[in-house]
Amino acid sequence: MSACYIVSVKWTRRDSPYITFWRPDDCGYAWPLSWAGRYAEDDVLANKDYYHNGVSTIAVPCMLVDNLGVPPVKGTVDGDAGPVVLNNRTNWNCILEFALPDPLDKPQPQYKGARKAMGKEAGK
């Protein structure tokens, strides 16, 4: 089984320049992949409601996400740590296509130009 990054759908806002990832051991959030946790796929699938629920989290193989990484814009991350993944339609489409199968709910990521959540979806 492969290692996965946990993408935070919940904490990647429309105005975020980069996609947000969980840090190791469920301890916070980060933009740089160098600060992100690598979670065992077996653990992710055993705790799908937490790590891969679609509403707040999506699990994606690290190999895929690593290929999306770019250096951050100077001054946007402490110490200019990177790589980071730009928060845009292209990267989200790739993440959604290659995420682990069957999240519990349909992910609705936010990025500049994405549809705004309406009704009960907006309150999640």
PDB file of N, CA and C in Angstrom:
ATOM      1  N   MET A   1       0.837  -1.188   0.000  1.00  0.00           N
ATOM      2  CA  MET A   1       0.000   0.000   0.000  1.00  0.00           C
ATOM      3  C   MET A   1       0.884   1.254   0.000  1.00  0.00           C
ATOM      4  N   SER A   2       0.344   2.308  -0.525  1.00  0.00           N
ATOM      5  CA  SER A   2       1.127   3.531  -0.656  1.00  0.00           C
ATOM      6  C   SER A   2       0.815   4.529   0.457  1.00  0.00           C
ATOM      7  N   ALA A   3       1.657   5.532   0.534  1.00  0.00           N
ATOM      8  CA  ALA A   3       1.438   6.624   1.484  1.00  0.00           C
ATOM      9  C   ALA A   3       0.559   7.678   0.820  1.00  0.00           C
ATOM     10  N   CYS A   4      -0.230   8.352   1.654  1.00  0.00           N
ATOM     11  CA  CYS A   4      -1.157   9.373   1.163  1.00  0.00           C
ATOM     12  C   CYS A   4      -0.961  10.679   1.921  1.00  0.00           C
ATOM     13  N   TYR A   5      -1.216  11.765   1.220  1.00  0.00           N
ATOM     14  CA  TYR A   5      -1.389  13.049   1.875  1.00  0.00           C
ATOM     15  C   TYR A   5      -2.885  13.184   2.148  1.00  0.00           C
ATOM     16  N   ILE A   6      -3.218  13.879   3.230  1.00  0.00           N
ATOM     17  CA  ILE A   6      -4.608  14.196   3.512  1.00  0.00           C
ATOM     18  C   ILE A   6      -4.816  15.654   3.103  1.00  0.00           C
ATOM     19  N   VAL A   7      -5.630  15.847   2.093  1.00  0.00           N
ATOM     20  CA  VAL A   7      -5.938  17.187   1.593  1.00  0.00           C
ATOM     21  C   VAL A   7      -7.083  17.748   2.429  1.00  0.00           C
ATOM     22  N   SER A   8      -6.928  18.955   2.912  1.00  0.00           N
ATOM     23  CA  SER A   8      -7.990  19.590   3.685  1.00  0.00           C
ATOM     24  C   SER A   8      -8.890  20.394   2.758  1.00  0.00           C
ATOM     25  N   VAL A   9     -10.021  19.798   2.409  1.00  0.00           N
ATOM     26  CA  VAL A   9     -11.012  20.504   1.610  1.00  0.00           C
ATOM     27  C   VAL A   9     -11.585  21.648   2.444  1.00  0.00           C
ATOM     28  N   LYS A  10     -11.798  21.378   3.726  1.00  0.00           N
ATOM     29  CA  LYS A  10     -12.407  22.352   4.629  1.00  0.00           C
ATOM     30  C   LYS A  10     -11.566  23.612   4.789  1.00  0.00           C
ATOM     31  N   TRP A  11     -10.250  23.482   4.938  1.00  0.00           N
ATOM     32  CA  TRP A  11      -9.397  24.631   5.237  1.00  0.00           C
ATOM     33  C   TRP A  11      -8.687  25.214   4.022  1.00  0.00           C
ATOM     34  N   THR A  12      -8.982  24.702   2.830  1.00  0.00           N
ATOM     35  CA  THR A  12      -8.491  25.338   1.612  1.00  0.00           C
ATOM     36  C   THR A  12      -9.621  26.228   1.110  1.00  0.00           C
ATOM     37  N   ARG A  13      -9.492  27.499   1.393  1.00  0.00           N
ATOM     38  CA  ARG A  13     -10.547  28.455   1.029  1.00  0.00           C
ATOM     39  C   ARG A  13     -10.333  28.997  -0.375  1.00  0.00           C
ATOM     40  N   ARG A  14     -11.364  29.591  -0.890  1.00  0.00           N
ATOM     41  CA  ARG A  14     -11.343  30.194  -2.225  1.00  0.00           C
ATOM     42  C   ARG A  14     -10.171  31.157  -2.401  1.00  0.00           C
ATOM     43  N   ASP A  15      -9.813  31.901  -1.336  1.00  0.00           N
ATOM     44  CA  ASP A  15      -8.740  32.888  -1.438  1.00  0.00           C
ATOM     45  C   ASP A  15      -7.362  32.337  -1.057  1.00  0.00           C
ATOM     46  N   SER A  16      -7.274  31.039  -0.745  1.00  0.00           N
ATOM     47  CA  SER A  16      -5.978  30.426  -0.416  1.00  0.00           C
ATOM     48  C   SER A  16      -5.143  30.292  -1.680  1.00  0.00           C
ATOM     49  N   PRO A  17      -3.885  30.726  -1.639  1.00  0.00           N
ATOM     50  CA  PRO A  17      -3.058  30.574  -2.836  1.00  0.00           C
ATOM     51  C   PRO A  17      -2.637  29.122  -3.081  1.00  0.00           C
ATOM     52  N   TYR A  18      -2.600  28.335  -1.990  1.00  0.00           N
ATOM     53  CA  TYR A  18      -2.131  26.954  -2.073  1.00  0.00           C
ATOM     54  C   TYR A  18      -3.148  26.021  -1.425  1.00  0.00           C
ATOM     55  N   ILE A  19      -3.097  24.766  -1.823  1.00  0.00           N
ATOM     56  CA  ILE A  19      -3.941  23.743  -1.224  1.00  0.00           C
ATOM     57  C   ILE A  19      -3.356  23.376   0.141  1.00  0.00           C
ATOM     58  N   THR A  20      -4.235  23.166   1.111  1.00  0.00           N
ATOM     59  CA  THR A  20      -3.840  22.878   2.483  1.00  0.00           C
ATOM     60  C   THR A  20      -3.817  21.371   2.724  1.00  0.00           C
ATOM     61  N   PHE A  21      -2.763  20.909   3.402  1.00  0.00           N
ATOM     62  CA  PHE A  21      -2.580  19.493   3.739  1.00  0.00           C
ATOM     63  C   PHE A  21      -2.474  19.319   5.244  1.00  0.00           C
ATOM     64  N   TRP A  22      -2.817  18.137   5.721  1.00  0.00           N
ATOM     65  CA  TRP A  22      -2.644  17.822   7.134  1.00  0.00           C
ATOM     66  C   TRP A  22      -1.170  17.600   7.429  1.00  0.00           C
ATOM     67  N   ARG A  23      -0.732  18.051   8.586  1.00  0.00           N
ATOM     68  CA  ARG A  23       0.614  17.764   9.067  1.00  0.00           C
ATOM     69  C   ARG A  23       0.654  16.337   9.616  1.00  0.00           C
ATOM     70  N   PRO A  24       1.841  15.838   9.973  1.00  0.00           N
ATOM     71  CA  PRO A  24       1.927  14.474  10.539  1.00  0.00           C
ATOM     72  C   PRO A  24       1.131  14.336  11.837  1.00  0.00           C
ATOM     73  N   ASP A  25       0.694  13.120  12.098  1.00  0.00           N
ATOM     74  CA  ASP A  25       0.025  12.754  13.357  1.00  0.00           C
ATOM     75  C   ASP A  25      -1.215  13.592  13.649  1.00  0.00           C
ATOM     76  N   ASP A  26      -1.943  14.011  12.609  1.00  0.00           N
ATOM     77  CA  ASP A  26      -3.190  14.765  12.773  1.00  0.00           C
ATOM     78  C   ASP A  26      -2.980  16.083  13.520  1.00  0.00           C
ATOM     79  N   CYS A  27      -1.789  16.669  13.403  1.00  0.00           N
ATOM     80  CA  CYS A  27      -1.437  17.863  14.200  1.00  0.00           C
ATOM     81  C   CYS A  27      -1.323  19.122  13.350  1.00  0.00           C
ATOM     82  N   GLY A  28      -2.438  19.655  12.928  1.00  0.00           N
ATOM     83  CA  GLY A  28      -2.432  20.932  12.235  1.00  0.00           C
ATOM     84  C   GLY A  28      -2.409  20.812  10.727  1.00  0.00           C
ATOM     85  N   TYR A  29      -2.175  21.966  10.103  1.00  0.00           N
ATOM     86  CA  TYR A  29      -2.278  22.095   8.654  1.00  0.00           C
ATOM     87  C   TYR A  29      -1.055  22.802   8.101  1.00  0.00           C
ATOM     88  N   ALA A  30      -0.781  22.563   6.823  1.00  0.00           N
ATOM     89  CA  ALA A  30       0.379  23.186   6.187  1.00  0.00           C
ATOM     90  C   ALA A  30       0.144  23.298   4.693  1.00  0.00           C
ATOM     91  N   TRP A  31       0.778  24.301   4.107  1.00  0.00           N
ATOM     92  CA  TRP A  31       0.811  24.386   2.648  1.00  0.00           C
ATOM     93  C   TRP A  31       1.990  23.614   2.070  1.00  0.00           C
ATOM     94  N   PRO A  32       3.198  23.732   2.624  1.00  0.00           N
ATOM     95  CA  PRO A  32       4.326  23.022   2.017  1.00  0.00           C
ATOM     96  C   PRO A  32       4.213  21.508   2.177  1.00  0.00           C
ATOM     97  N   LEU A  33       4.466  20.806   1.113  1.00  0.00           N
ATOM     98  CA  LEU A  33       4.462  19.342   1.180  1.00  0.00           C
ATOM     99  C   LEU A  33       5.573  18.833   2.102  1.00  0.00           C
ATOM    100  N   SER A  34       6.636  19.607   2.236  1.00  0.00           N
ATOM    101  CA  SER A  34       7.735  19.199   3.123  1.00  0.00           C
ATOM    102  C   SER A  34       7.291  19.190   4.587  1.00  0.00           C
ATOM    103  N   TRP A  35       6.199  19.847   4.917  1.00  0.00           N
ATOM    104  CA  TRP A  35       5.666  19.868   6.279  1.00  0.00           C
ATOM    105  C   TRP A  35       4.459  18.938   6.440  1.00  0.00           C
ATOM    106  N   ALA A  36       3.964  18.386   5.350  1.00  0.00           N
ATOM    107  CA  ALA A  36       2.748  17.557   5.377  1.00  0.00           C
ATOM    108  C   ALA A  36       3.060  16.146   5.868  1.00  0.00           C
ATOM    109  N   GLY A  37       2.038  15.534   6.470  1.00  0.00           N
ATOM    110  CA  GLY A  37       2.171  14.153   6.921  1.00  0.00           C
ATOM    111  C   GLY A  37       1.960  13.180   5.787  1.00  0.00           C
ATOM    112  N   ARG A  38       2.574  12.021   5.941  1.00  0.00           N
ATOM    113  CA  ARG A  38       2.377  10.910   5.000  1.00  0.00           C
ATOM    114  C   ARG A  38       1.659   9.823   5.775  1.00  0.00           C
ATOM    115  N   TYR A  39       0.451   9.524   5.357  1.00  0.00           N
ATOM    116  CA  TYR A  39      -0.411   8.601   6.076  1.00  0.00           C
ATOM    117  C   TYR A  39      -0.514   7.282   5.319  1.00  0.00           C
ATOM    118  N   ALA A  40      -0.414   6.173   6.041  1.00  0.00           N
ATOM    119  CA  ALA A  40      -0.506   4.849   5.425  1.00  0.00           C
ATOM    120  C   ALA A  40      -1.916   4.638   4.868  1.00  0.00           C
ATOM    121  N   GLU A  41      -1.979   4.147   3.645  1.00  0.00           N
ATOM    122  CA  GLU A  41      -3.276   3.940   2.987  1.00  0.00           C
ATOM    123  C   GLU A  41      -4.176   3.021   3.807  1.00  0.00           C
ATOM    124  N   ASP A  42      -3.614   1.987   4.423  1.00  0.00           N
ATOM    125  CA  ASP A  42      -4.410   1.085   5.257  1.00  0.00           C
ATOM    126  C   ASP A  42      -5.090   1.836   6.403  1.00  0.00           C
ATOM    127  N   ASP A  43      -4.343   2.737   7.055  1.00  0.00           N
ATOM    128  CA  ASP A  43      -4.906   3.530   8.158  1.00  0.00           C
ATOM    129  C   ASP A  43      -5.994   4.469   7.652  1.00  0.00           C
ATOM    130  N   VAL A  44      -5.750   5.068   6.491  1.00  0.00           N
ATOM    131  CA  VAL A  44      -6.727   5.988   5.904  1.00  0.00           C
ATOM    132  C   VAL A  44      -8.033   5.257   5.616  1.00  0.00           C
ATOM    133  N   LEU A  45      -7.945   4.101   4.989  1.00  0.00           N
ATOM    134  CA  LEU A  45      -9.154   3.358   4.623  1.00  0.00           C
ATOM    135  C   LEU A  45      -9.870   2.796   5.846  1.00  0.00           C
ATOM    136  N   ALA A  46      -9.125   2.487   6.906  1.00  0.00           N
ATOM    137  CA  ALA A  46      -9.744   1.997   8.142  1.00  0.00           C
ATOM    138  C   ALA A  46     -10.459   3.111   8.898  1.00  0.00           C
ATOM    139  N   ASN A  47     -10.118   4.369   8.597  1.00  0.00           N
ATOM    140  CA  ASN A  47     -10.711   5.533   9.262  1.00  0.00           C
ATOM    141  C   ASN A  47     -11.222   6.525   8.219  1.00  0.00           C
ATOM    142  N   LYS A  48     -11.941   6.003   7.247  1.00  0.00           N
ATOM    143  CA  LYS A  48     -12.395   6.784   6.100  1.00  0.00           C
ATOM    144  C   LYS A  48     -13.237   7.998   6.496  1.00  0.00           C
ATOM    145  N   ASP A  49     -14.050   7.855   7.536  1.00  0.00           N
ATOM    146  CA  ASP A  49     -14.901   8.970   7.948  1.00  0.00           C
ATOM    147  C   ASP A  49     -14.086  10.147   8.468  1.00  0.00           C
ATOM    148  N   TYR A  50     -12.854   9.908   8.831  1.00  0.00           N
ATOM    149  CA  TYR A  50     -11.966  10.956   9.352  1.00  0.00           C
ATOM    150  C   TYR A  50     -11.008  11.463   8.269  1.00  0.00           C
ATOM    151  N   TYR A  51     -10.356  10.543   7.544  1.00  0.00           N
ATOM    152  CA  TYR A  51      -9.308  10.903   6.598  1.00  0.00           C
ATOM    153  C   TYR A  51      -9.771  11.059   5.149  1.00  0.00           C
ATOM    154  N   HIS A  52     -10.926  10.524   4.810  1.00  0.00           N
ATOM    155  CA  HIS A  52     -11.340  10.508   3.404  1.00  0.00           C
ATOM    156  C   HIS A  52     -12.864  10.623   3.303  1.00  0.00           C
ATOM    157  N   ASN A  53     -13.403  11.656   3.965  1.00  0.00           N
ATOM    158  CA  ASN A  53     -14.861  11.770   4.001  1.00  0.00           C
ATOM    159  C   ASN A  53     -15.430  12.626   2.871  1.00  0.00           C
ATOM    160  N   GLY A  54     -14.571  13.341   2.140  1.00  0.00           N
ATOM    161  CA  GLY A  54     -15.029  14.147   1.010  1.00  0.00           C
ATOM    162  C   GLY A  54     -15.471  15.547   1.403  1.00  0.00           C
ATOM    163  N   VAL A  55     -16.065  15.707   2.573  1.00  0.00           N
ATOM    164  CA  VAL A  55     -16.541  17.019   3.014  1.00  0.00           C
ATOM    165  C   VAL A  55     -15.380  17.864   3.516  1.00  0.00           C
ATOM    166  N   SER A  56     -14.564  17.299   4.381  1.00  0.00           N
ATOM    167  CA  SER A  56     -13.436  18.065   4.927  1.00  0.00           C
ATOM    168  C   SER A  56     -12.087  17.498   4.527  1.00  0.00           C
ATOM    169  N   THR A  57     -12.045  16.242   4.120  1.00  0.00           N
ATOM    170  CA  THR A  57     -10.770  15.607   3.790  1.00  0.00           C
ATOM    171  C   THR A  57     -10.871  14.719   2.554  1.00  0.00           C
ATOM    172  N   ILE A  58      -9.725  14.619   1.866  1.00  0.00           N
ATOM    173  CA  ILE A  58      -9.573  13.684   0.749  1.00  0.00           C
ATOM    174  C   ILE A  58      -8.166  13.108   0.864  1.00  0.00           C
ATOM    175  N   ALA A  59      -8.042  11.814   0.717  1.00  0.00           N
ATOM    176  CA  ALA A  59      -6.731  11.162   0.740  1.00  0.00           C
ATOM    177  C   ALA A  59      -6.260  10.932  -0.700  1.00  0.00           C
ATOM    178  N   VAL A  60      -5.010  11.336  -0.963  1.00  0.00           N
ATOM    179  CA  VAL A  60      -4.452  11.232  -2.309  1.00  0.00           C
ATOM    180  C   VAL A  60      -3.047  10.651  -2.212  1.00  0.00           C
ATOM    181  N   PRO A  61      -2.688   9.695  -3.072  1.00  0.00           N
ATOM    182  CA  PRO A  61      -1.334   9.145  -3.029  1.00  0.00           C
ATOM    183  C   PRO A  61      -0.269  10.242  -3.132  1.00  0.00           C
ATOM    184  N   CYS A  62       0.740  10.126  -2.280  1.00  0.00           N
ATOM    185  CA  CYS A  62       1.805  11.131  -2.237  1.00  0.00           C
ATOM    186  C   CYS A  62       2.497  11.284  -3.595  1.00  0.00           C
ATOM    187  N   MET A  63       2.713  10.180  -4.292  1.00  0.00           N
ATOM    188  CA  MET A  63       3.417  10.254  -5.584  1.00  0.00           C
ATOM    189  C   MET A  63       2.719  11.207  -6.549  1.00  0.00           C
ATOM    190  N   LEU A  64       1.393  11.185  -6.559  1.00  0.00           N
ATOM    191  CA  LEU A  64       0.650  12.072  -7.456  1.00  0.00           C
ATOM    192  C   LEU A  64       0.823  13.518  -7.027  1.00  0.00           C
ATOM    193  N   VAL A  65       0.600  13.784  -5.754  1.00  0.00           N
ATOM    194  CA  VAL A  65       0.646  15.162  -5.262  1.00  0.00           C
ATOM    195  C   VAL A  65       2.049  15.738  -5.407  1.00  0.00           C
ATOM    196  N   ASP A  66       3.066  14.925  -5.135  1.00  0.00           N
ATOM    197  CA  ASP A  66       4.451  15.401  -5.270  1.00  0.00           C
ATOM    198  C   ASP A  66       4.716  15.939  -6.669  1.00  0.00           C
ATOM    199  N   ASN A  67       4.079  15.344  -7.665  1.00  0.00           N
ATOM    200  CA  ASN A  67       4.255  15.803  -9.055  1.00  0.00           C
ATOM    201  C   ASN A  67       3.591  17.150  -9.326  1.00  0.00           C
ATOM    202  N   LEU A  68       2.695  17.581  -8.457  1.00  0.00           N
ATOM    203  CA  LEU A  68       2.007  18.863  -8.632  1.00  0.00           C
ATOM    204  C   LEU A  68       2.737  20.011  -7.936  1.00  0.00           C
ATOM    205  N   GLY A  69       3.727  19.684  -7.125  1.00  0.00           N
ATOM    206  CA  GLY A  69       4.404  20.688  -6.314  1.00  0.00           C
ATOM    207  C   GLY A  69       5.250  21.664  -7.118  1.00  0.00           C
ATOM    208  N   VAL A  70       5.226  22.922  -6.656  1.00  0.00           N
ATOM    209  CA  VAL A  70       6.028  24.004  -7.243  1.00  0.00           C
ATOM    210  C   VAL A  70       6.603  24.828  -6.097  1.00  0.00           C
ATOM    211  N   PRO A  71       7.654  25.598  -6.351  1.00  0.00           N
ATOM    212  CA  PRO A  71       8.163  26.485  -5.295  1.00  0.00           C
ATOM    213  C   PRO A  71       7.118  27.557  -4.955  1.00  0.00           C
ATOM    214  N   PRO A  72       7.028  27.954  -3.681  1.00  0.00           N
ATOM    215  CA  PRO A  72       6.070  29.004  -3.323  1.00  0.00           C
ATOM    216  C   PRO A  72       6.551  30.369  -3.784  1.00  0.00           C
ATOM    217  N   VAL A  73       5.624  31.281  -3.904  1.00  0.00           N
ATOM    218  CA  VAL A  73       5.977  32.678  -4.161  1.00  0.00           C
ATOM    219  C   VAL A  73       6.753  33.165  -2.936  1.00  0.00           C
ATOM    220  N   LYS A  74       7.865  33.839  -3.167  1.00  0.00           N
ATOM    221  CA  LYS A  74       8.697  34.321  -2.057  1.00  0.00           C
ATOM    222  C   LYS A  74       7.865  35.117  -1.060  1.00  0.00           C
ATOM    223  N   GLY A  75       8.062  34.778   0.215  1.00  0.00           N
ATOM    224  CA  GLY A  75       7.397  35.501   1.285  1.00  0.00           C
ATOM    225  C   GLY A  75       6.007  35.014   1.649  1.00  0.00           C
ATOM    226  N   THR A  76       5.482  34.005   0.960  1.00  0.00           N
ATOM    227  CA  THR A  76       4.133  33.525   1.278  1.00  0.00           C
ATOM    228  C   THR A  76       4.133  32.385   2.289  1.00  0.00           C
ATOM    229  N   VAL A  77       5.284  31.744   2.495  1.00  0.00           N
ATOM    230  CA  VAL A  77       5.422  30.638   3.438  1.00  0.00           C
ATOM    231  C   VAL A  77       6.675  30.898   4.276  1.00  0.00           C
ATOM    232  N   ASP A  78       6.598  30.614   5.573  1.00  0.00           N
ATOM    233  CA  ASP A  78       7.765  30.793   6.436  1.00  0.00           C
ATOM    234  C   ASP A  78       8.987  30.119   5.835  1.00  0.00           C
ATOM    235  N   GLY A  79      10.061  30.867   5.717  1.00  0.00           N
ATOM    236  CA  GLY A  79      11.303  30.325   5.168  1.00  0.00           C
ATOM    237  C   GLY A  79      11.211  29.926   3.715  1.00  0.00           C
ATOM    238  N   ASP A  80      10.163  30.357   3.046  1.00  0.00           N
ATOM    239  CA  ASP A  80       9.928  29.988   1.642  1.00  0.00           C
ATOM    240  C   ASP A  80       9.968  28.466   1.448  1.00  0.00           C
ATOM    241  N   ALA A  81       9.471  27.734   2.463  1.00  0.00           N
ATOM    242  CA  ALA A  81       9.444  26.266   2.398  1.00  0.00           C
ATOM    243  C   ALA A  81       8.509  25.810   1.289  1.00  0.00           C
ATOM    244  N   GLY A  82       8.874  24.750   0.675  1.00  0.00           N
ATOM    245  CA  GLY A  82       8.061  24.179  -0.385  1.00  0.00           C
ATOM    246  C   GLY A  82       8.421  22.724  -0.542  1.00  0.00           C
ATOM    247  N   PRO A  83       7.950  22.136  -1.586  1.00  0.00           N
ATOM    248  CA  PRO A  83       7.046  22.672  -2.604  1.00  0.00           C
ATOM    249  C   PRO A  83       5.626  22.832  -2.063  1.00  0.00           C
ATOM    250  N   VAL A  84       4.833  23.583  -2.804  1.00  0.00           N
ATOM    251  CA  VAL A  84       3.422  23.801  -2.505  1.00  0.00           C
ATOM    252  C   VAL A  84       2.613  23.405  -3.738  1.00  0.00           C
ATOM    253  N   VAL A  85       1.319  23.248  -3.562  1.00  0.00           N
ATOM    254  CA  VAL A  85       0.431  22.924  -4.677  1.00  0.00           C
ATOM    255  C   VAL A  85      -0.525  24.106  -4.856  1.00  0.00           C
ATOM    256  N   LEU A  86      -0.482  24.713  -6.028  1.00  0.00           N
ATOM    257  CA  LEU A  86      -1.333  25.864  -6.310  1.00  0.00           C
ATOM    258  C   LEU A  86      -2.809  25.488  -6.195  1.00  0.00           C
ATOM    259  N   ASN A  87      -3.588  26.383  -5.615  1.00  0.00           N
ATOM    260  CA  ASN A  87      -5.016  26.168  -5.428  1.00  0.00           C
ATOM    261  C   ASN A  87      -5.755  26.634  -6.680  1.00  0.00           C
ATOM    262  N   ASN A  88      -5.831  25.735  -7.661  1.00  0.00           N
ATOM    263  CA  ASN A  88      -6.515  26.075  -8.908  1.00  0.00           C
ATOM    264  C   ASN A  88      -7.295  24.879  -9.443  1.00  0.00           C
ATOM    265  N   ARG A  89      -8.127  25.133 -10.422  1.00  0.00           N
ATOM    266  CA  ARG A  89      -8.996  24.105 -11.002  1.00  0.00           C
ATOM    267  C   ARG A  89      -8.185  22.906 -11.526  1.00  0.00           C
ATOM    268  N   THR A  90      -7.109  23.159 -12.214  1.00  0.00           N
ATOM    269  CA  THR A  90      -6.320  22.077 -12.799  1.00  0.00           C
ATOM    270  C   THR A  90      -5.821  21.115 -11.724  1.00  0.00           C
ATOM    271  N   ASN A  91      -5.252  21.667 -10.652  1.00  0.00           N
ATOM    272  CA  ASN A  91      -4.725  20.804  -9.591  1.00  0.00           C
ATOM    273  C   ASN A  91      -5.833  20.083  -8.844  1.00  0.00           C
ATOM    274  N   TRP A  92      -6.954  20.753  -8.599  1.00  0.00           N
ATOM    275  CA  TRP A  92      -8.068  20.081  -7.935  1.00  0.00           C
ATOM    276  C   TRP A  92      -8.635  18.962  -8.803  1.00  0.00           C
ATOM    277  N   ASN A  93      -8.752  19.188 -10.092  1.00  0.00           N
ATOM    278  CA  ASN A  93      -9.241  18.125 -10.979  1.00  0.00           C
ATOM    279  C   ASN A  93      -8.336  16.908 -10.914  1.00  0.00           C
ATOM    280  N   CYS A  94      -7.043  17.129 -10.883  1.00  0.00           N
ATOM    281  CA  CYS A  94      -6.075  16.037 -10.793  1.00  0.00           C
ATOM    282  C   CYS A  94      -6.208  15.319  -9.444  1.00  0.00           C
ATOM    283  N   ILE A  95      -6.294  16.083  -8.371  1.00  0.00           N
ATOM    284  CA  ILE A  95      -6.449  15.503  -7.029  1.00  0.00           C
ATOM    285  C   ILE A  95      -7.724  14.668  -6.950  1.00  0.00           C
ATOM    286  N   LEU A  96      -8.822  15.194  -7.456  1.00  0.00           N
ATOM    287  CA  LEU A  96     -10.089  14.468  -7.394  1.00  0.00           C
ATOM    288  C   LEU A  96     -10.064  13.215  -8.264  1.00  0.00           C
ATOM    289  N   GLU A  97      -9.393  13.301  -9.397  1.00  0.00           N
ATOM    290  CA  GLU A  97      -9.316  12.138 -10.288  1.00  0.00           C
ATOM    291  C   GLU A  97      -8.509  10.998  -9.674  1.00  0.00           C
ATOM    292  N   PHE A  98      -7.427  11.337  -8.965  1.00  0.00           N
ATOM    293  CA  PHE A  98      -6.524  10.311  -8.466  1.00  0.00           C
ATOM    294  C   PHE A  98      -6.620  10.061  -6.960  1.00  0.00           C
ATOM    295  N   ALA A  99      -7.593  10.677  -6.304  1.00  0.00           N
ATOM    296  CA  ALA A  99      -7.815  10.426  -4.879  1.00  0.00           C
ATOM    297  C   ALA A  99      -8.187   8.957  -4.681  1.00  0.00           C
ATOM    298  N   LEU A 100      -8.031   8.480  -3.459  1.00  0.00           N
ATOM    299  CA  LEU A 100      -8.488   7.127  -3.170  1.00  0.00           C
ATOM    300  C   LEU A 100      -9.962   7.033  -3.539  1.00  0.00           C
ATOM    301  N   PRO A 101     -10.421   5.844  -3.896  1.00  0.00           N
ATOM    302  CA  PRO A 101     -11.807   5.712  -4.354  1.00  0.00           C
ATOM    303  C   PRO A 101     -12.832   5.914  -3.238  1.00  0.00           C
ATOM    304  N   ASP A 102     -13.994   6.323  -3.667  1.00  0.00           N
ATOM    305  CA  ASP A 102     -15.198   6.349  -2.846  1.00  0.00           C
ATOM    306  C   ASP A 102     -15.116   7.126  -1.540  1.00  0.00           C
ATOM    307  N   PRO A 103     -14.845   8.439  -1.606  1.00  0.00           N
ATOM    308  CA  PRO A 103     -14.997   9.211  -0.368  1.00  0.00           C
ATOM    309  C   PRO A 103     -16.464   9.119   0.073  1.00  0.00           C
ATOM    310  N   LEU A 104     -16.717   9.333   1.340  1.00  0.00           N
ATOM    311  CA  LEU A 104     -18.079   9.183   1.863  1.00  0.00           C
ATOM    312  C   LEU A 104     -19.053  10.206   1.294  1.00  0.00           C
ATOM    313  N   ASP A 105     -18.548  11.365   0.869  1.00  0.00           N
ATOM    314  CA  ASP A 105     -19.394  12.417   0.301  1.00  0.00           C
ATOM    315  C   ASP A 105     -18.651  13.021  -0.889  1.00  0.00           C
ATOM    316  N   LYS A 106     -19.362  13.729  -1.749  1.00  0.00           N
ATOM    317  CA  LYS A 106     -18.740  14.342  -2.921  1.00  0.00           C
ATOM    318  C   LYS A 106     -17.952  15.598  -2.511  1.00  0.00           C
ATOM    319  N   PRO A 107     -16.648  15.638  -2.759  1.00  0.00           N
ATOM    320  CA  PRO A 107     -15.856  16.822  -2.422  1.00  0.00           C
ATOM    321  C   PRO A 107     -16.273  18.029  -3.251  1.00  0.00           C
ATOM    322  N   GLN A 108     -16.274  19.197  -2.605  1.00  0.00           N
ATOM    323  CA  GLN A 108     -16.579  20.449  -3.290  1.00  0.00           C
ATOM    324  C   GLN A 108     -15.495  21.460  -2.941  1.00  0.00           C
ATOM    325  N   PRO A 109     -14.320  21.313  -3.560  1.00  0.00           N
ATOM    326  CA  PRO A 109     -13.202  22.202  -3.224  1.00  0.00           C
ATOM    327  C   PRO A 109     -13.476  23.652  -3.621  1.00  0.00           C
ATOM    328  N   GLN A 110     -12.819  24.551  -2.918  1.00  0.00           N
ATOM    329  CA  GLN A 110     -12.940  25.976  -3.191  1.00  0.00           C
ATOM    330  C   GLN A 110     -11.617  26.505  -3.737  1.00  0.00           C
ATOM    331  N   TYR A 111     -11.697  27.216  -4.817  1.00  0.00           N
ATOM    332  CA  TYR A 111     -10.554  27.875  -5.442  1.00  0.00           C
ATOM    333  C   TYR A 111     -11.122  29.030  -6.243  1.00  0.00           C
ATOM    334  N   LYS A 112     -10.287  29.956  -6.624  1.00  0.00           N
ATOM    335  CA  LYS A 112     -10.775  31.101  -7.390  1.00  0.00           C
ATOM    336  C   LYS A 112     -11.468  30.600  -8.656  1.00  0.00           C
ATOM    337  N   GLY A 113     -12.709  30.996  -8.818  1.00  0.00           N
ATOM    338  CA  GLY A 113     -13.486  30.578  -9.978  1.00  0.00           C
ATOM    339  C   GLY A 113     -14.383  29.375  -9.729  1.00  0.00           C
ATOM    340  N   ALA A 114     -14.239  28.706  -8.574  1.00  0.00           N
ATOM    341  CA  ALA A 114     -15.097  27.559  -8.267  1.00  0.00           C
ATOM    342  C   ALA A 114     -16.487  28.045  -7.911  1.00  0.00           C
ATOM    343  N   ARG A 115     -17.462  27.188  -8.109  1.00  0.00           N
ATOM    344  CA  ARG A 115     -18.829  27.525  -7.701  1.00  0.00           C
ATOM    345  C   ARG A 115     -18.893  27.675  -6.200  1.00  0.00           C
ATOM    346  N   LYS A 116     -19.619  28.659  -5.757  1.00  0.00           N
ATOM    347  CA  LYS A 116     -19.831  28.834  -4.319  1.00  0.00           C
ATOM    348  C   LYS A 116     -20.855  27.823  -3.850  1.00  0.00           C
ATOM    349  N   ALA A 117     -20.608  27.236  -2.664  1.00  0.00           N
ATOM    350  CA  ALA A 117     -21.544  26.282  -2.090  1.00  0.00           C
ATOM    351  C   ALA A 117     -22.843  27.005  -1.734  1.00  0.00           C
ATOM    352  N   MET A 118     -23.950  26.344  -1.984  1.00  0.00           N
ATOM    353  CA  MET A 118     -25.262  26.948  -1.718  1.00  0.00           C
ATOM    354  C   MET A 118     -26.019  26.090  -0.699  1.00  0.00           C
ATOM    355  N   GLY A 119     -26.959  26.676  -0.031  1.00  0.00           N
ATOM    356  CA  GLY A 119     -27.855  25.946   0.874  1.00  0.00           C
ATOM    357  C   GLY A 119     -27.115  25.242   1.979  1.00  0.00           C
ATOM    358  N   LYS A 120     -27.522  23.993   2.253  1.00  0.00           N
ATOM    359  CA  LYS A 120     -26.930  23.262   3.374  1.00  0.00           C
ATOM    360  C   LYS A 120     -25.445  22.966   3.133  1.00  0.00           C
ATOM    361  N   GLU A 121     -25.010  22.886   1.883  1.00  0.00           N
ATOM    362  CA  GLU A 121     -23.596  22.664   1.592  1.00  0.00           C
ATOM    363  C   GLU A 121     -22.731  23.807   2.118  1.00  0.00           C
ATOM    364  N   ALA A 122     -23.247  25.011   2.123  1.00  0.00           N
ATOM    365  CA  ALA A 122     -22.482  26.174   2.574  1.00  0.00           C
ATOM    366  C   ALA A 122     -22.206  26.113   4.062  1.00  0.00           C
ATOM    367  N   GLY A 123     -23.038  25.421   4.818  1.00  0.00           N
ATOM    368  CA  GLY A 123     -22.870  25.350   6.262  1.00  0.00           C
ATOM    369  C   GLY A 123     -21.968  24.251   6.743  1.00  0.00           C
ATOM    370  N   LYS A 124     -21.499  23.394   5.862  1.00  0.00           N
ATOM    371  CA  LYS A 124     -20.648  22.269   6.274  1.00  0.00           C
ATOM    372  C   LYS A 124     -19.274  22.728   6.658  1.00  0.00           C
TER     373      LYS A 124
END
